[in-house]
Amino acid sequence: MNLLLTLLVGGLVLLAVGAWVTVLVSAFSLWRIVPPGSRLKSLFDMGWLQIDSIRELAGPEGDHLARRYVWALVVLFVAFAGLGAVMVAIFVTGRSVGIP
């Protein structure tokens, strides 16, 4: 059981790190497409998750980057929720996670 929990936590952490890197790369790529006069506004829009506003600023070439950004954020939040659920399960069962 400990090995299963260790693999599950490691897999979820790996998924979260991969999603975080994808979010950063997508956000930077999307920011570079936005016209120079609107870049500060686009940073605030990304922070407030106003994706439609960013799509309007970036134009049609930024549409796939915006979709990738949103999906990476969804995967990141799901990974965090999964990690939280696993940590609660570990706490409730009293098991330790480590290399057996």
C-alpha atoms as a PDB file:
ATOM      1  CA  MET A   1       0.000   0.000   0.000  1.00  0.00           C
ATOM      2  CA  ASN A   2       2.863   2.380   0.775  1.00  0.00           C
ATOM      3  CA  LEU A   3       4.390   1.783  -2.647  1.00  0.00           C
ATOM      4  CA  LEU A   4       1.055   2.550  -4.298  1.00  0.00           C
ATOM      5  CA  LEU A   5       0.705   5.797  -2.362  1.00  0.00           C
ATOM      6  CA  THR A   6       4.289   6.741  -3.175  1.00  0.00           C
ATOM      7  CA  LEU A   7       3.724   6.140  -6.878  1.00  0.00           C
ATOM      8  CA  LEU A   8       0.426   8.033  -6.792  1.00  0.00           C
ATOM      9  CA  VAL A   9       1.930  11.061  -5.056  1.00  0.00           C
ATOM     10  CA  GLY A  10       4.946  11.014  -7.371  1.00  0.00           C
ATOM     11  CA  GLY A  11       2.740  10.747 -10.460  1.00  0.00           C
ATOM     12  CA  LEU A  12       0.499  13.598  -9.339  1.00  0.00           C
ATOM     13  CA  VAL A  13       3.498  15.788  -8.536  1.00  0.00           C
ATOM     14  CA  LEU A  14       4.999  15.029 -11.943  1.00  0.00           C
ATOM     15  CA  LEU A  15       1.660  15.867 -13.587  1.00  0.00           C
ATOM     16  CA  ALA A  16       1.413  19.131 -11.650  1.00  0.00           C
ATOM     17  CA  VAL A  17       4.970  20.166 -12.540  1.00  0.00           C
ATOM     18  CA  GLY A  18       4.388  19.355 -16.211  1.00  0.00           C
ATOM     19  CA  ALA A  19       1.143  21.330 -16.227  1.00  0.00           C
ATOM     20  CA  TRP A  20       2.851  24.259 -14.498  1.00  0.00           C
ATOM     21  CA  VAL A  21       5.633  24.331 -17.091  1.00  0.00           C
ATOM     22  CA  THR A  22       3.019  24.178 -19.870  1.00  0.00           C
ATOM     23  CA  VAL A  23       1.118  27.081 -18.271  1.00  0.00           C
ATOM     24  CA  LEU A  24       4.284  29.181 -18.100  1.00  0.00           C
ATOM     25  CA  VAL A  25       5.363  28.414 -21.673  1.00  0.00           C
ATOM     26  CA  SER A  26       1.854  29.029 -23.025  1.00  0.00           C
ATOM     27  CA  ALA A  27       1.463  32.286 -21.120  1.00  0.00           C
ATOM     28  CA  PHE A  28       4.839  33.578 -22.305  1.00  0.00           C
ATOM     29  CA  SER A  29       4.159  32.540 -25.914  1.00  0.00           C
ATOM     30  CA  LEU A  30       0.731  34.157 -25.803  1.00  0.00           C
ATOM     31  CA  TRP A  31       2.175  37.304 -24.263  1.00  0.00           C
ATOM     32  CA  ARG A  32       4.741  37.578 -27.061  1.00  0.00           C
ATOM     33  CA  ILE A  33       1.996  37.480 -29.745  1.00  0.00           C
ATOM     34  CA  VAL A  34       0.050  40.361 -28.172  1.00  0.00           C
ATOM     35  CA  PRO A  35       0.838  43.773 -29.688  1.00  0.00           C
ATOM     36  CA  PRO A  36       3.428  45.724 -27.655  1.00  0.00           C
ATOM     37  CA  GLY A  37       0.965  48.419 -26.541  1.00  0.00           C
ATOM     38  CA  SER A  38      -1.365  45.859 -24.946  1.00  0.00           C
ATOM     39  CA  ARG A  39       1.123  43.587 -23.187  1.00  0.00           C
ATOM     40  CA  LEU A  40       0.584  44.976 -19.695  1.00  0.00           C
ATOM     41  CA  LYS A  41      -3.179  44.622 -20.074  1.00  0.00           C
ATOM     42  CA  SER A  42      -2.731  41.054 -21.291  1.00  0.00           C
ATOM     43  CA  LEU A  43      -0.686  40.180 -18.184  1.00  0.00           C
ATOM     44  CA  PHE A  44      -3.525  41.356 -15.956  1.00  0.00           C
ATOM     45  CA  ASP A  45      -6.055  39.512 -18.116  1.00  0.00           C
ATOM     46  CA  MET A  46      -4.062  36.280 -17.781  1.00  0.00           C
ATOM     47  CA  GLY A  47      -3.915  36.731 -14.032  1.00  0.00           C
ATOM     48  CA  TRP A  48      -7.669  37.260 -13.810  1.00  0.00           C
ATOM     49  CA  LEU A  49      -8.309  34.388 -16.277  1.00  0.00           C
ATOM     50  CA  GLN A  50     -10.031  36.649 -18.804  1.00  0.00           C
ATOM     51  CA  ILE A  51      -9.101  34.431 -21.727  1.00  0.00           C
ATOM     52  CA  ASP A  52     -11.574  35.948 -24.200  1.00  0.00           C
ATOM     53  CA  SER A  53      -9.934  39.344 -23.788  1.00  0.00           C
ATOM     54  CA  ILE A  54      -6.515  37.821 -24.453  1.00  0.00           C
ATOM     55  CA  ARG A  55      -7.833  36.043 -27.557  1.00  0.00           C
ATOM     56  CA  GLU A  56      -9.104  39.363 -28.878  1.00  0.00           C
ATOM     57  CA  LEU A  57      -5.725  41.011 -28.274  1.00  0.00           C
ATOM     58  CA  ALA A  58      -3.665  38.159 -29.746  1.00  0.00           C
ATOM     59  CA  GLY A  59      -5.868  37.524 -32.761  1.00  0.00           C
ATOM     60  CA  PRO A  60      -6.452  34.191 -34.481  1.00  0.00           C
ATOM     61  CA  GLU A  61      -2.823  33.031 -34.166  1.00  0.00           C
ATOM     62  CA  GLY A  62      -3.123  33.085 -30.368  1.00  0.00           C
ATOM     63  CA  ASP A  63      -6.240  30.937 -30.205  1.00  0.00           C
ATOM     64  CA  HIS A  64      -4.451  27.603 -29.895  1.00  0.00           C
ATOM     65  CA  LEU A  65      -2.085  29.043 -27.276  1.00  0.00           C
ATOM     66  CA  ALA A  66      -5.020  30.331 -25.241  1.00  0.00           C
ATOM     67  CA  ARG A  67      -6.705  26.910 -25.402  1.00  0.00           C
ATOM     68  CA  ARG A  68      -3.481  25.197 -24.326  1.00  0.00           C
ATOM     69  CA  TYR A  69      -3.124  27.712 -21.462  1.00  0.00           C
ATOM     70  CA  VAL A  70      -6.654  27.035 -20.227  1.00  0.00           C
ATOM     71  CA  TRP A  71      -6.333  23.245 -20.454  1.00  0.00           C
ATOM     72  CA  ALA A  72      -2.976  23.305 -18.684  1.00  0.00           C
ATOM     73  CA  LEU A  73      -4.548  25.343 -15.880  1.00  0.00           C
ATOM     74  CA  VAL A  74      -7.392  22.828 -15.625  1.00  0.00           C
ATOM     75  CA  VAL A  75      -4.915  19.941 -15.424  1.00  0.00           C
ATOM     76  CA  LEU A  76      -2.880  21.837 -12.817  1.00  0.00           C
ATOM     77  CA  PHE A  77      -5.918  22.438 -10.602  1.00  0.00           C
ATOM     78  CA  VAL A  78      -7.064  18.824 -10.984  1.00  0.00           C
ATOM     79  CA  ALA A  79      -3.581  17.624 -10.011  1.00  0.00           C
ATOM     80  CA  PHE A  80      -3.656  19.878  -6.942  1.00  0.00           C
ATOM     81  CA  ALA A  81      -7.086  18.536  -6.004  1.00  0.00           C
ATOM     82  CA  GLY A  82      -5.847  14.971  -6.458  1.00  0.00           C
ATOM     83  CA  LEU A  83      -2.802  15.664  -4.308  1.00  0.00           C
ATOM     84  CA  GLY A  84      -5.031  17.148  -1.635  1.00  0.00           C
ATOM     85  CA  ALA A  85      -7.294  14.093  -1.690  1.00  0.00           C
ATOM     86  CA  VAL A  86      -4.333  11.719  -1.467  1.00  0.00           C
ATOM     87  CA  MET A  87      -2.827  13.702   1.400  1.00  0.00           C
ATOM     88  CA  VAL A  88      -6.131  13.554   3.278  1.00  0.00           C
ATOM     89  CA  ALA A  89      -6.281   9.795   2.671  1.00  0.00           C
ATOM     90  CA  ILE A  90      -2.717   9.415   3.941  1.00  0.00           C
ATOM     91  CA  PHE A  91      -3.524  11.458   7.028  1.00  0.00           C
ATOM     92  CA  VAL A  92      -6.729   9.568   7.781  1.00  0.00           C
ATOM     93  CA  THR A  93      -5.193   6.116   7.333  1.00  0.00           C
ATOM     94  CA  GLY A  94      -2.013   7.040   9.212  1.00  0.00           C
ATOM     95  CA  ARG A  95       0.259   5.644   6.512  1.00  0.00           C
ATOM     96  CA  SER A  96       3.636   7.109   5.709  1.00  0.00           C
ATOM     97  CA  VAL A  97       4.793   7.774   2.180  1.00  0.00           C
ATOM     98  CA  GLY A  98       8.387   6.952   1.465  1.00  0.00           C
ATOM     99  CA  ILE A  99      10.693   4.599  -0.325  1.00  0.00           C
ATOM    100  CA  PRO A 100       9.999   1.108   1.041  1.00  0.00           C
END
